[in-house]
């Protein structure tokens, strides 16, 4: 396996991880509940959601960084 293949595998795994994590996020204040002010009842931040946000952002940075590296052709073939 070359370095490019390893980076492509990490890139693909980060893409799949991003898909899963984005689907795990709960909606915040969307829908009709936001009209009556009921969205404030459920807007408390929890540590689990903070961790989910941090992991999502980390995977986003990894994915975008590897996208730039792979598209620019900076790795040996």
N, C-alpha and C. Protein backbone atom coordinates (compact mmCIF):
# COMPACT_ATOMS: atom_id res chain seq x y z
N UNK A 1 0.83 -1.20 0.00
CA UNK A 1 0.00 0.00 0.00
C UNK A 1 0.87 1.25 0.00
N UNK A 2 0.48 2.18 -0.81
CA UNK A 2 1.22 3.43 -0.87
C UNK A 2 0.62 4.44 0.11
N UNK A 3 1.32 5.54 0.26
CA UNK A 3 0.86 6.59 1.15
C UNK A 3 -0.47 7.15 0.64
N UNK A 4 -0.60 7.27 -0.66
CA UNK A 4 -1.84 7.79 -1.24
C UNK A 4 -3.03 6.89 -0.90
N UNK A 5 -2.84 5.59 -0.97
CA UNK A 5 -3.92 4.66 -0.65
C UNK A 5 -4.33 4.77 0.82
N UNK A 6 -3.37 4.93 1.70
CA UNK A 6 -3.66 5.06 3.12
C UNK A 6 -4.43 6.35 3.39
N UNK A 7 -3.99 7.44 2.77
CA UNK A 7 -4.67 8.73 2.95
C UNK A 7 -6.08 8.67 2.36
N UNK A 8 -6.25 8.00 1.24
CA UNK A 8 -7.58 7.85 0.65
C UNK A 8 -8.49 7.03 1.56
N UNK A 9 -7.95 6.02 2.23
CA UNK A 9 -8.76 5.22 3.15
C UNK A 9 -9.18 6.06 4.36
N UNK A 10 -8.26 6.85 4.89
CA UNK A 10 -8.61 7.74 6.02
C UNK A 10 -9.63 8.77 5.58
N UNK A 11 -9.49 9.29 4.36
CA UNK A 11 -10.42 10.26 3.81
C UNK A 11 -11.83 9.67 3.69
N UNK A 12 -11.91 8.44 3.19
CA UNK A 12 -13.21 7.78 3.04
C UNK A 12 -13.85 7.49 4.40
N UNK A 13 -13.04 7.05 5.36
CA UNK A 13 -13.58 6.79 6.70
C UNK A 13 -14.06 8.07 7.38
N UNK A 14 -13.33 9.15 7.17
CA UNK A 14 -13.78 10.41 7.76
C UNK A 14 -15.08 10.88 7.10
N UNK A 15 -15.25 10.63 5.81
CA UNK A 15 -16.50 10.98 5.14
C UNK A 15 -17.66 10.18 5.71
N UNK A 16 -17.47 8.88 5.89
CA UNK A 16 -18.53 8.05 6.47
C UNK A 16 -18.83 8.47 7.90
N UNK A 17 -17.80 8.78 8.66
CA UNK A 17 -18.00 9.24 10.03
C UNK A 17 -18.78 10.55 10.08
N UNK A 18 -18.48 11.45 9.16
CA UNK A 18 -19.22 12.72 9.10
C UNK A 18 -20.69 12.49 8.78
N UNK A 19 -20.97 11.58 7.88
CA UNK A 19 -22.36 11.29 7.54
C UNK A 19 -23.11 10.79 8.77
N UNK A 20 -22.51 9.87 9.49
CA UNK A 20 -23.16 9.30 10.68
C UNK A 20 -23.34 10.36 11.75
N UNK A 21 -22.31 11.16 12.00
CA UNK A 21 -22.40 12.16 13.06
C UNK A 21 -23.40 13.26 12.74
N UNK A 22 -23.49 13.67 11.48
CA UNK A 22 -24.46 14.69 11.12
C UNK A 22 -25.87 14.16 11.30
N UNK A 23 -26.07 12.90 10.99
CA UNK A 23 -27.40 12.31 11.18
C UNK A 23 -27.75 12.14 12.66
N UNK A 24 -26.75 12.06 13.53
CA UNK A 24 -27.00 11.92 14.96
C UNK A 24 -27.37 13.23 15.63
N UNK A 25 -27.03 14.35 15.01
CA UNK A 25 -27.34 15.65 15.61
C UNK A 25 -28.84 15.85 15.72
N UNK A 26 -29.26 16.46 16.81
CA UNK A 26 -30.68 16.76 16.98
C UNK A 26 -30.97 18.16 16.45
N UNK A 27 -32.16 18.35 15.89
CA UNK A 27 -32.50 19.69 15.38
C UNK A 27 -32.67 20.67 16.53
N UNK A 28 -32.31 21.92 16.30
CA UNK A 28 -32.39 22.95 17.35
C UNK A 28 -33.35 24.04 16.93
N UNK A 29 -34.51 24.08 17.56
CA UNK A 29 -35.45 25.17 17.34
C UNK A 29 -36.10 25.20 15.98
N UNK A 30 -36.14 24.08 15.30
CA UNK A 30 -36.77 24.05 13.99
C UNK A 30 -38.23 23.67 14.12
N UNK A 31 -38.99 24.04 13.13
CA UNK A 31 -40.37 23.63 13.08
C UNK A 31 -41.32 24.59 13.77
N UNK A 32 -42.53 24.13 13.97
CA UNK A 32 -43.59 24.95 14.54
C UNK A 32 -43.35 25.23 16.02
N UNK A 33 -42.62 24.38 16.71
CA UNK A 33 -42.36 24.59 18.13
C UNK A 33 -41.60 25.87 18.39
N UNK A 34 -40.87 26.37 17.42
CA UNK A 34 -40.12 27.61 17.59
C UNK A 34 -41.03 28.83 17.63
N UNK A 35 -42.21 28.72 17.05
CA UNK A 35 -43.14 29.86 17.01
C UNK A 35 -43.67 30.17 18.40
N UNK A 36 -44.06 29.15 19.14
CA UNK A 36 -44.65 29.35 20.46
C UNK A 36 -43.66 29.48 21.58
N UNK A 37 -42.37 29.49 21.28
CA UNK A 37 -41.37 29.61 22.33
C UNK A 37 -41.04 28.30 23.02
N UNK A 38 -41.57 27.20 22.53
CA UNK A 38 -41.29 25.91 23.14
C UNK A 38 -39.89 25.41 22.81
N UNK A 39 -39.25 26.01 21.84
CA UNK A 39 -37.90 25.58 21.49
C UNK A 39 -36.93 25.86 22.63
N UNK A 40 -37.24 26.84 23.49
CA UNK A 40 -36.35 27.16 24.59
C UNK A 40 -36.35 26.08 25.66
N UNK A 41 -37.38 25.28 25.71
CA UNK A 41 -37.43 24.20 26.70
C UNK A 41 -36.37 23.15 26.44
N UNK A 42 -36.05 22.95 25.17
CA UNK A 42 -35.14 21.87 24.80
C UNK A 42 -33.79 22.38 24.31
N UNK A 43 -33.45 23.62 24.59
CA UNK A 43 -32.22 24.18 24.05
C UNK A 43 -31.04 24.09 25.01
N UNK A 44 -31.19 23.35 26.10
CA UNK A 44 -30.07 23.23 27.03
C UNK A 44 -28.97 22.37 26.40
N UNK A 45 -27.74 22.83 26.56
CA UNK A 45 -26.62 22.09 26.00
C UNK A 45 -26.15 21.04 26.99
N UNK A 46 -25.89 19.89 26.48
CA UNK A 46 -25.41 18.79 27.32
C UNK A 46 -24.00 18.45 26.91
N UNK A 47 -23.31 17.77 27.79
CA UNK A 47 -21.92 17.42 27.48
C UNK A 47 -21.84 16.43 26.32
N UNK A 48 -22.85 15.58 26.19
CA UNK A 48 -22.84 14.64 25.07
C UNK A 48 -22.95 15.37 23.74
N UNK A 49 -23.78 16.39 23.70
CA UNK A 49 -23.92 17.15 22.47
C UNK A 49 -22.66 17.97 22.19
N UNK A 50 -22.04 18.50 23.22
CA UNK A 50 -20.77 19.23 23.02
C UNK A 50 -19.69 18.31 22.47
N UNK A 51 -19.62 17.11 23.00
CA UNK A 51 -18.64 16.14 22.50
C UNK A 51 -18.95 15.78 21.06
N UNK A 52 -20.22 15.58 20.75
CA UNK A 52 -20.63 15.27 19.38
C UNK A 52 -20.25 16.41 18.43
N UNK A 53 -20.43 17.64 18.88
CA UNK A 53 -20.04 18.79 18.06
C UNK A 53 -18.53 18.84 17.83
N UNK A 54 -17.77 18.58 18.86
CA UNK A 54 -16.30 18.62 18.73
C UNK A 54 -15.79 17.54 17.80
N UNK A 55 -16.34 16.34 17.92
CA UNK A 55 -15.91 15.24 17.05
C UNK A 55 -16.32 15.53 15.60
N UNK A 56 -17.49 16.10 15.41
CA UNK A 56 -17.94 16.45 14.07
C UNK A 56 -17.03 17.49 13.44
N UNK A 57 -16.67 18.51 14.21
CA UNK A 57 -15.76 19.54 13.67
C UNK A 57 -14.38 18.97 13.38
N UNK A 58 -13.90 18.09 14.25
CA UNK A 58 -12.59 17.48 14.02
C UNK A 58 -12.60 16.65 12.73
N UNK A 59 -13.64 15.86 12.54
CA UNK A 59 -13.73 15.08 11.30
C UNK A 59 -13.90 15.97 10.08
N UNK A 60 -14.57 17.09 10.24
CA UNK A 60 -14.72 18.03 9.13
C UNK A 60 -13.37 18.60 8.72
N UNK A 61 -12.56 18.98 9.70
CA UNK A 61 -11.23 19.52 9.40
C UNK A 61 -10.35 18.45 8.74
N UNK A 62 -10.40 17.23 9.26
CA UNK A 62 -9.63 16.14 8.67
C UNK A 62 -10.07 15.88 7.23
N UNK A 63 -11.39 15.80 7.02
CA UNK A 63 -11.91 15.53 5.68
C UNK A 63 -11.52 16.63 4.70
N UNK A 64 -11.71 17.88 5.08
CA UNK A 64 -11.38 18.97 4.17
C UNK A 64 -9.88 19.09 3.92
N UNK A 65 -9.09 18.86 4.97
CA UNK A 65 -7.64 18.90 4.79
C UNK A 65 -7.15 17.82 3.85
N UNK A 66 -7.66 16.61 4.03
CA UNK A 66 -7.26 15.52 3.14
C UNK A 66 -7.79 15.71 1.73
N UNK A 67 -8.93 16.36 1.60
CA UNK A 67 -9.46 16.67 0.27
C UNK A 67 -8.51 17.59 -0.48
N UNK A 68 -7.99 18.60 0.21
CA UNK A 68 -7.04 19.52 -0.42
C UNK A 68 -5.76 18.79 -0.78
N UNK A 69 -5.26 17.97 0.14
CA UNK A 69 -4.00 17.25 -0.12
C UNK A 69 -4.14 16.29 -1.29
N UNK A 70 -5.25 15.56 -1.33
CA UNK A 70 -5.45 14.59 -2.41
C UNK A 70 -5.70 15.27 -3.75
N UNK A 71 -6.45 16.36 -3.76
CA UNK A 71 -6.75 17.02 -5.02
C UNK A 71 -5.56 17.80 -5.58
N UNK A 72 -4.69 18.26 -4.69
CA UNK A 72 -3.52 19.02 -5.15
C UNK A 72 -2.41 18.10 -5.67
N UNK A 73 -2.47 16.83 -5.33
CA UNK A 73 -1.46 15.90 -5.80
C UNK A 73 -0.14 16.04 -5.07
N UNK A 74 -0.18 16.38 -3.81
CA UNK A 74 1.04 16.60 -3.04
C UNK A 74 1.67 15.31 -2.54
N UNK A 75 1.00 14.20 -2.68
CA UNK A 75 1.52 12.93 -2.19
C UNK A 75 2.21 12.17 -3.33
N UNK A 76 3.25 11.43 -2.98
CA UNK A 76 3.91 10.62 -4.02
C UNK A 76 3.00 9.49 -4.48
N UNK A 77 3.14 9.13 -5.73
CA UNK A 77 2.27 8.08 -6.28
C UNK A 77 2.91 6.74 -6.25
